[in-house]
């Protein structure tokens, strides 16, 4: 077994801990460098983008349906 295979096997068995530690480290660095509120704003924007992207991948007409609910039907076409 090579070193690369050992690293991959270790990651597969501990991916939750590794991903959590990396996320925490990146969050801490962002807060120290750009501040809490800017980091919170970025996190909110990423969350909204993830949510919209997930909805679009599930339903290709999500944006059209959303605009139909917000605007009168047919105004954006």
PDB file of N, CA and C in Angstrom:
ATOM      1  N   UNK A   1       0.836  -1.170   0.000  1.00  0.00           N
ATOM      2  CA  UNK A   1       0.000   0.000   0.000  1.00  0.00           C
ATOM      3  C   UNK A   1       0.893   1.251   0.000  1.00  0.00           C
ATOM      4  N   UNK A   2       0.649   2.161  -0.942  1.00  0.00           N
ATOM      5  CA  UNK A   2       1.466   3.369  -1.034  1.00  0.00           C
ATOM      6  C   UNK A   2       0.954   4.424  -0.046  1.00  0.00           C
ATOM      7  N   UNK A   3       1.753   5.468   0.084  1.00  0.00           N
ATOM      8  CA  UNK A   3       1.365   6.556   0.983  1.00  0.00           C
ATOM      9  C   UNK A   3       0.068   7.215   0.532  1.00  0.00           C
ATOM     10  N   UNK A   4      -0.097   7.378  -0.772  1.00  0.00           N
ATOM     11  CA  UNK A   4      -1.317   8.001  -1.301  1.00  0.00           C
ATOM     12  C   UNK A   4      -2.542   7.174  -0.932  1.00  0.00           C
ATOM     13  N   UNK A   5      -2.441   5.878  -1.064  1.00  0.00           N
ATOM     14  CA  UNK A   5      -3.562   4.998  -0.706  1.00  0.00           C
ATOM     15  C   UNK A   5      -3.851   5.047   0.787  1.00  0.00           C
ATOM     16  N   UNK A   6      -2.808   5.158   1.609  1.00  0.00           N
ATOM     17  CA  UNK A   6      -2.992   5.265   3.057  1.00  0.00           C
ATOM     18  C   UNK A   6      -3.708   6.557   3.425  1.00  0.00           C
ATOM     19  N   UNK A   7      -3.331   7.650   2.766  1.00  0.00           N
ATOM     20  CA  UNK A   7      -3.976   8.941   3.024  1.00  0.00           C
ATOM     21  C   UNK A   7      -5.438   8.885   2.606  1.00  0.00           C
ATOM     22  N   UNK A   8      -5.717   8.315   1.454  1.00  0.00           N
ATOM     23  CA  UNK A   8      -7.097   8.211   0.973  1.00  0.00           C
ATOM     24  C   UNK A   8      -7.926   7.343   1.919  1.00  0.00           C
ATOM     25  N   UNK A   9      -7.386   6.244   2.364  1.00  0.00           N
ATOM     26  CA  UNK A   9      -8.089   5.359   3.299  1.00  0.00           C
ATOM     27  C   UNK A   9      -8.340   6.067   4.628  1.00  0.00           C
ATOM     28  N   UNK A  10      -7.348   6.816   5.126  1.00  0.00           N
ATOM     29  CA  UNK A  10      -7.520   7.574   6.367  1.00  0.00           C
ATOM     30  C   UNK A  10      -8.623   8.614   6.202  1.00  0.00           C
ATOM     31  N   UNK A  11      -8.632   9.319   5.058  1.00  0.00           N
ATOM     32  CA  UNK A  11      -9.668  10.328   4.821  1.00  0.00           C
ATOM     33  C   UNK A  11     -11.044   9.688   4.761  1.00  0.00           C
ATOM     34  N   UNK A  12     -11.163   8.554   4.093  1.00  0.00           N
ATOM     35  CA  UNK A  12     -12.451   7.877   3.988  1.00  0.00           C
ATOM     36  C   UNK A  12     -12.985   7.453   5.357  1.00  0.00           C
ATOM     37  N   UNK A  13     -12.105   7.071   6.255  1.00  0.00           N
ATOM     38  CA  UNK A  13     -12.563   6.628   7.563  1.00  0.00           C
ATOM     39  C   UNK A  13     -12.792   7.779   8.540  1.00  0.00           C
ATOM     40  N   UNK A  14     -12.267   8.972   8.243  1.00  0.00           N
ATOM     41  CA  UNK A  14     -12.404  10.128   9.142  1.00  0.00           C
ATOM     42  C   UNK A  14     -12.832  11.387   8.397  1.00  0.00           C
ATOM     43  N   UNK A  15     -13.642  11.257   7.348  1.00  0.00           N
ATOM     44  CA  UNK A  15     -13.965  12.435   6.526  1.00  0.00           C
ATOM     45  C   UNK A  15     -14.777  13.482   7.285  1.00  0.00           C
ATOM     46  N   UNK A  16     -15.641  13.070   8.192  1.00  0.00           N
ATOM     47  CA  UNK A  16     -16.437  14.036   8.952  1.00  0.00           C
ATOM     48  C   UNK A  16     -15.573  14.913   9.834  1.00  0.00           C
ATOM     49  N   UNK A  17     -14.651  14.285  10.546  1.00  0.00           N
ATOM     50  CA  UNK A  17     -13.769  15.042  11.431  1.00  0.00           C
ATOM     51  C   UNK A  17     -12.850  15.965  10.648  1.00  0.00           C
ATOM     52  N   UNK A  18     -12.320  15.471   9.542  1.00  0.00           N
ATOM     53  CA  UNK A  18     -11.395  16.276   8.730  1.00  0.00           C
ATOM     54  C   UNK A  18     -12.130  17.461   8.114  1.00  0.00           C
ATOM     55  N   UNK A  19     -13.307  17.229   7.523  1.00  0.00           N
ATOM     56  CA  UNK A  19     -14.068  18.315   6.911  1.00  0.00           C
ATOM     57  C   UNK A  19     -14.518  19.334   7.956  1.00  0.00           C
ATOM     58  N   UNK A  20     -14.915  18.867   9.129  1.00  0.00           N
ATOM     59  CA  UNK A  20     -15.312  19.785  10.195  1.00  0.00           C
ATOM     60  C   UNK A  20     -14.156  20.641  10.677  1.00  0.00           C
ATOM     61  N   UNK A  21     -12.992  20.025  10.835  1.00  0.00           N
ATOM     62  CA  UNK A  21     -11.816  20.781  11.278  1.00  0.00           C
ATOM     63  C   UNK A  21     -11.403  21.812  10.231  1.00  0.00           C
ATOM     64  N   UNK A  22     -11.420  21.427   8.972  1.00  0.00           N
ATOM     65  CA  UNK A  22     -11.068  22.376   7.907  1.00  0.00           C
ATOM     66  C   UNK A  22     -12.065  23.525   7.830  1.00  0.00           C
ATOM     67  N   UNK A  23     -13.350  23.217   7.961  1.00  0.00           N
ATOM     68  CA  UNK A  23     -14.368  24.265   7.941  1.00  0.00           C
ATOM     69  C   UNK A  23     -14.174  25.226   9.108  1.00  0.00           C
ATOM     70  N   UNK A  24     -13.936  24.694  10.288  1.00  0.00           N
ATOM     71  CA  UNK A  24     -13.698  25.540  11.453  1.00  0.00           C
ATOM     72  C   UNK A  24     -12.458  26.400  11.296  1.00  0.00           C
ATOM     73  N   UNK A  25     -11.394  25.827  10.750  1.00  0.00           N
ATOM     74  CA  UNK A  25     -10.161  26.579  10.529  1.00  0.00           C
ATOM     75  C   UNK A  25     -10.387  27.718   9.536  1.00  0.00           C
ATOM     76  N   UNK A  26     -11.057  27.422   8.429  1.00  0.00           N
ATOM     77  CA  UNK A  26     -11.317  28.454   7.417  1.00  0.00           C
ATOM     78  C   UNK A  26     -12.210  29.547   7.996  1.00  0.00           C
ATOM     79  N   UNK A  27     -13.219  29.172   8.766  1.00  0.00           N
ATOM     80  CA  UNK A  27     -14.102  30.152   9.391  1.00  0.00           C
ATOM     81  C   UNK A  27     -13.328  31.040  10.362  1.00  0.00           C
ATOM     82  N   UNK A  28     -12.460  30.447  11.164  1.00  0.00           N
ATOM     83  CA  UNK A  28     -11.665  31.226  12.117  1.00  0.00           C
ATOM     84  C   UNK A  28     -10.736  32.203  11.407  1.00  0.00           C
ATOM     85  N   UNK A  29     -10.090  31.748  10.341  1.00  0.00           N
ATOM     86  CA  UNK A  29      -9.190  32.631   9.588  1.00  0.00           C
ATOM     87  C   UNK A  29      -9.978  33.783   8.964  1.00  0.00           C
ATOM     88  N   UNK A  30     -11.151  33.485   8.403  1.00  0.00           N
ATOM     89  CA  UNK A  30     -11.974  34.547   7.810  1.00  0.00           C
ATOM     90  C   UNK A  30     -12.397  35.566   8.857  1.00  0.00           C
ATOM     91  N   UNK A  31     -12.798  35.116  10.037  1.00  0.00           N
ATOM     92  CA  UNK A  31     -13.203  36.050  11.090  1.00  0.00           C
ATOM     93  C   UNK A  31     -12.021  36.904  11.537  1.00  0.00           C
ATOM     94  N   UNK A  32     -10.848  36.313  11.655  1.00  0.00           N
ATOM     95  CA  UNK A  32      -9.675  37.093  12.070  1.00  0.00           C
ATOM     96  C   UNK A  32      -9.239  38.093  11.008  1.00  0.00           C
ATOM     97  N   UNK A  33      -9.371  37.716   9.727  1.00  0.00           N
ATOM     98  CA  UNK A  33      -8.884  38.592   8.660  1.00  0.00           C
ATOM     99  C   UNK A  33      -9.899  39.659   8.277  1.00  0.00           C
ATOM    100  N   UNK A  34     -11.174  39.266   8.039  1.00  0.00           N
ATOM    101  CA  UNK A  34     -12.139  40.237   7.516  1.00  0.00           C
ATOM    102  C   UNK A  34     -13.200  40.643   8.521  1.00  0.00           C
ATOM    103  N   UNK A  35     -13.290  39.987   9.661  1.00  0.00           N
ATOM    104  CA  UNK A  35     -14.245  40.371  10.693  1.00  0.00           C
ATOM    105  C   UNK A  35     -15.463  39.465  10.719  1.00  0.00           C
ATOM    106  N   UNK A  36     -16.183  39.568  11.843  1.00  0.00           N
ATOM    107  CA  UNK A  36     -17.322  38.669  12.067  1.00  0.00           C
ATOM    108  C   UNK A  36     -18.476  38.949  11.108  1.00  0.00           C
ATOM    109  N   UNK A  37     -18.891  40.213  10.984  1.00  0.00           N
ATOM    110  CA  UNK A  37     -20.075  40.525  10.191  1.00  0.00           C
ATOM    111  C   UNK A  37     -19.856  40.281   8.702  1.00  0.00           C
ATOM    112  N   UNK A  38     -18.663  40.576   8.205  1.00  0.00           N
ATOM    113  CA  UNK A  38     -18.374  40.282   6.812  1.00  0.00           C
ATOM    114  C   UNK A  38     -18.374  38.771   6.567  1.00  0.00           C
ATOM    115  N   UNK A  39     -17.827  38.017   7.508  1.00  0.00           N
ATOM    116  CA  UNK A  39     -17.827  36.556   7.384  1.00  0.00           C
ATOM    117  C   UNK A  39     -19.248  36.015   7.450  1.00  0.00           C
ATOM    118  N   UNK A  40     -20.067  36.567   8.349  1.00  0.00           N
ATOM    119  CA  UNK A  40     -21.466  36.136   8.448  1.00  0.00           C
ATOM    120  C   UNK A  40     -22.211  36.450   7.156  1.00  0.00           C
ATOM    121  N   UNK A  41     -21.953  37.621   6.564  1.00  0.00           N
ATOM    122  CA  UNK A  41     -22.589  37.981   5.299  1.00  0.00           C
ATOM    123  C   UNK A  41     -22.200  37.008   4.188  1.00  0.00           C
ATOM    124  N   UNK A  42     -20.933  36.669   4.115  1.00  0.00           N
ATOM    125  CA  UNK A  42     -20.475  35.707   3.102  1.00  0.00           C
ATOM    126  C   UNK A  42     -21.143  34.350   3.325  1.00  0.00           C
ATOM    127  N   UNK A  43     -21.229  33.915   4.579  1.00  0.00           N
ATOM    128  CA  UNK A  43     -21.851  32.625   4.891  1.00  0.00           C
ATOM    129  C   UNK A  43     -23.329  32.626   4.505  1.00  0.00           C
ATOM    130  N   UNK A  44     -24.023  33.730   4.755  1.00  0.00           N
ATOM    131  CA  UNK A  44     -25.436  33.833   4.381  1.00  0.00           C
ATOM    132  C   UNK A  44     -25.585  33.786   2.865  1.00  0.00           C
ATOM    133  N   UNK A  45     -24.743  34.516   2.147  1.00  0.00           N
ATOM    134  CA  UNK A  45     -24.809  34.501   0.680  1.00  0.00           C
ATOM    135  C   UNK A  45     -24.514  33.112   0.116  1.00  0.00           C
ATOM    136  N   UNK A  46     -23.551  32.425   0.697  1.00  0.00           N
ATOM    137  CA  UNK A  46     -23.238  31.061   0.253  1.00  0.00           C
ATOM    138  C   UNK A  46     -24.423  30.137   0.524  1.00  0.00           C
ATOM    139  N   UNK A  47     -25.044  30.273   1.682  1.00  0.00           N
ATOM    140  CA  UNK A  47     -26.212  29.457   2.011  1.00  0.00           C
ATOM    141  C   UNK A  47     -27.379  29.692   1.068  1.00  0.00           C
ATOM    142  N   UNK A  48     -27.640  30.960   0.755  1.00  0.00           N
ATOM    143  CA  UNK A  48     -28.716  31.288  -0.187  1.00  0.00           C
ATOM    144  C   UNK A  48     -28.385  30.742  -1.578  1.00  0.00           C
ATOM    145  N   UNK A  49     -27.147  30.894  -1.995  1.00  0.00           N
ATOM    146  CA  UNK A  49     -26.735  30.363  -3.301  1.00  0.00           C
ATOM    147  C   UNK A  49     -26.855  28.856  -3.367  1.00  0.00           C
ATOM    148  N   UNK A  50     -26.482  28.172  -2.284  1.00  0.00           N
ATOM    149  CA  UNK A  50     -26.618  26.716  -2.228  1.00  0.00           C
ATOM    150  C   UNK A  50     -28.077  26.310  -2.326  1.00  0.00           C
ATOM    151  N   UNK A  51     -28.937  27.001  -1.579  1.00  0.00           N
ATOM    152  CA  UNK A  51     -30.368  26.683  -1.575  1.00  0.00           C
ATOM    153  C   UNK A  51     -30.978  26.871  -2.963  1.00  0.00           C
ATOM    154  N   UNK A  52     -30.685  27.994  -3.599  1.00  0.00           N
ATOM    155  CA  UNK A  52     -31.230  28.252  -4.943  1.00  0.00           C
ATOM    156  C   UNK A  52     -30.669  27.258  -5.945  1.00  0.00           C
ATOM    157  N   UNK A  53     -29.378  26.969  -5.863  1.00  0.00           N
ATOM    158  CA  UNK A  53     -28.771  25.992  -6.767  1.00  0.00           C
ATOM    159  C   UNK A  53     -29.366  24.606  -6.606  1.00  0.00           C
ATOM    160  N   UNK A  54     -29.639  24.223  -5.377  1.00  0.00           N
ATOM    161  CA  UNK A  54     -30.258  22.914  -5.126  1.00  0.00           C
ATOM    162  C   UNK A  54     -31.666  22.869  -5.694  1.00  0.00           C
ATOM    163  N   UNK A  55     -32.429  23.934  -5.511  1.00  0.00           N
ATOM    164  CA  UNK A  55     -33.787  23.992  -6.058  1.00  0.00           C
ATOM    165  C   UNK A  55     -33.772  23.947  -7.578  1.00  0.00           C
ATOM    166  N   UNK A  56     -32.820  24.648  -8.200  1.00  0.00           N
ATOM    167  CA  UNK A  56     -32.730  24.659  -9.661  1.00  0.00           C
ATOM    168  C   UNK A  56     -32.356  23.277 -10.179  1.00  0.00           C
ATOM    169  N   UNK A  57     -31.464  22.570  -9.483  1.00  0.00           N
ATOM    170  CA  UNK A  57     -31.080  21.234  -9.946  1.00  0.00           C
ATOM    171  C   UNK A  57     -32.224  20.242  -9.787  1.00  0.00           C
ATOM    172  N   UNK A  58     -33.132  20.476  -8.834  1.00  0.00           N
ATOM    173  CA  UNK A  58     -34.284  19.599  -8.655  1.00  0.00           C
ATOM    174  C   UNK A  58     -35.411  19.940  -9.624  1.00  0.00           C
ATOM    175  N   UNK A  59     -35.603  21.238  -9.905  1.00  0.00           N
ATOM    176  CA  UNK A  59     -36.707  21.692 -10.753  1.00  0.00           C
ATOM    177  C   UNK A  59     -36.155  22.744 -11.718  1.00  0.00           C
ATOM    178  N   UNK A  60     -36.063  22.395 -12.992  1.00  0.00           N
ATOM    179  CA  UNK A  60     -35.467  23.298 -13.991  1.00  0.00           C
ATOM    180  C   UNK A  60     -36.272  24.586 -14.168  1.00  0.00           C
ATOM    181  N   UNK A  61     -37.560  24.575 -13.847  1.00  0.00           N
ATOM    182  CA  UNK A  61     -38.399  25.760 -13.995  1.00  0.00           C
ATOM    183  C   UNK A  61     -38.580  26.511 -12.681  1.00  0.00           C
ATOM    184  N   UNK A  62     -37.694  26.304 -11.732  1.00  0.00           N
ATOM    185  CA  UNK A  62     -37.829  26.923 -10.412  1.00  0.00           C
ATOM    186  C   UNK A  62     -37.829  28.448 -10.498  1.00  0.00           C
ATOM    187  N   UNK A  63     -36.920  29.019 -11.272  1.00  0.00           N
ATOM    188  CA  UNK A  63     -36.833  30.480 -11.376  1.00  0.00           C
ATOM    189  C   UNK A  63     -38.105  31.044 -12.012  1.00  0.00           C
ATOM    190  N   UNK A  64     -38.582  30.398 -13.078  1.00  0.00           N
ATOM    191  CA  UNK A  64     -39.824  30.857 -13.719  1.00  0.00           C
ATOM    192  C   UNK A  64     -40.994  30.776 -12.753  1.00  0.00           C
ATOM    193  N   UNK A  65     -41.097  29.671 -12.013  1.00  0.00           N
ATOM    194  CA  UNK A  65     -42.190  29.526 -11.046  1.00  0.00           C
ATOM    195  C   UNK A  65     -42.070  30.542  -9.921  1.00  0.00           C
ATOM    196  N   UNK A  66     -40.857  30.816  -9.475  1.00  0.00           N
ATOM    197  CA  UNK A  66     -40.638  31.805  -8.428  1.00  0.00           C
ATOM    198  C   UNK A  66     -41.039  33.196  -8.908  1.00  0.00           C
ATOM    199  N   UNK A  67     -40.646  33.545 -10.131  1.00  0.00           N
ATOM    200  CA  UNK A  67     -41.023  34.848 -10.680  1.00  0.00           C
ATOM    201  C   UNK A  67     -42.523  34.946 -10.905  1.00  0.00           C
ATOM    202  N   UNK A  68     -43.169  33.837 -11.275  1.00  0.00           N
ATOM    203  CA  UNK A  68     -44.625  33.846 -11.424  1.00  0.00           C
ATOM    204  C   UNK A  68     -45.321  34.101 -10.093  1.00  0.00           C
ATOM    205  N   UNK A  69     -44.734  33.610  -9.000  1.00  0.00           N
ATOM    206  CA  UNK A  69     -45.333  33.858  -7.680  1.00  0.00           C
ATOM    207  C   UNK A  69     -45.102  35.294  -7.227  1.00  0.00           C
ATOM    208  N   UNK A  70     -43.950  35.875  -7.577  1.00  0.00           N
ATOM    209  CA  UNK A  70     -43.626  37.235  -7.124  1.00  0.00           C
ATOM    210  C   UNK A  70     -44.258  38.292  -8.020  1.00  0.00           C
ATOM    211  N   UNK A  71     -44.093  38.131  -9.329  1.00  0.00           N
ATOM    212  CA  UNK A  71     -44.592  39.098 -10.298  1.00  0.00           C
ATOM    213  C   UNK A  71     -45.894  38.586 -10.908  1.00  0.00           C
ATOM    214  N   UNK A  72     -46.658  39.465 -11.544  1.00  0.00           N
ATOM    215  CA  UNK A  72     -47.819  38.969 -12.289  1.00  0.00           C
ATOM    216  C   UNK A  72     -47.350  38.031 -13.404  1.00  0.00           C
ATOM    217  N   UNK A  73     -48.081  36.948 -13.648  1.00  0.00           N
ATOM    218  CA  UNK A  73     -47.631  35.965 -14.650  1.00  0.00           C
ATOM    219  C   UNK A  73     -47.375  36.587 -16.029  1.00  0.00           C
ATOM    220  N   UNK A  74     -46.270  36.214 -16.629  1.00  0.00           N
ATOM    221  CA  UNK A  74     -45.959  36.655 -17.978  1.00  0.00           C
ATOM    222  C   UNK A  74     -45.269  37.987 -18.099  1.00  0.00           C
ATOM    223  N   UNK A  75     -45.004  38.702 -17.012  1.00  0.00           N
ATOM    224  CA  UNK A  75     -44.401  40.038 -17.127  1.00  0.00           C
ATOM    225  C   UNK A  75     -42.920  39.996 -17.422  1.00  0.00           C
ATOM    226  N   UNK A  76     -42.249  38.913 -17.142  1.00  0.00           N
ATOM    227  CA  UNK A  76     -40.806  38.843 -17.340  1.00  0.00           C
ATOM    228  C   UNK A  76     -40.431  38.164 -18.647  1.00  0.00           C
ATOM    229  N   UNK A  77     -41.389  37.699 -19.423  1.00  0.00           N
ATOM    230  CA  UNK A  77     -41.093  36.995 -20.672  1.00  0.00           C
ATOM    231  C   UNK A  77     -41.096  37.913 -21.851  1.00  0.00           C
TER     232      UNK A  77
END
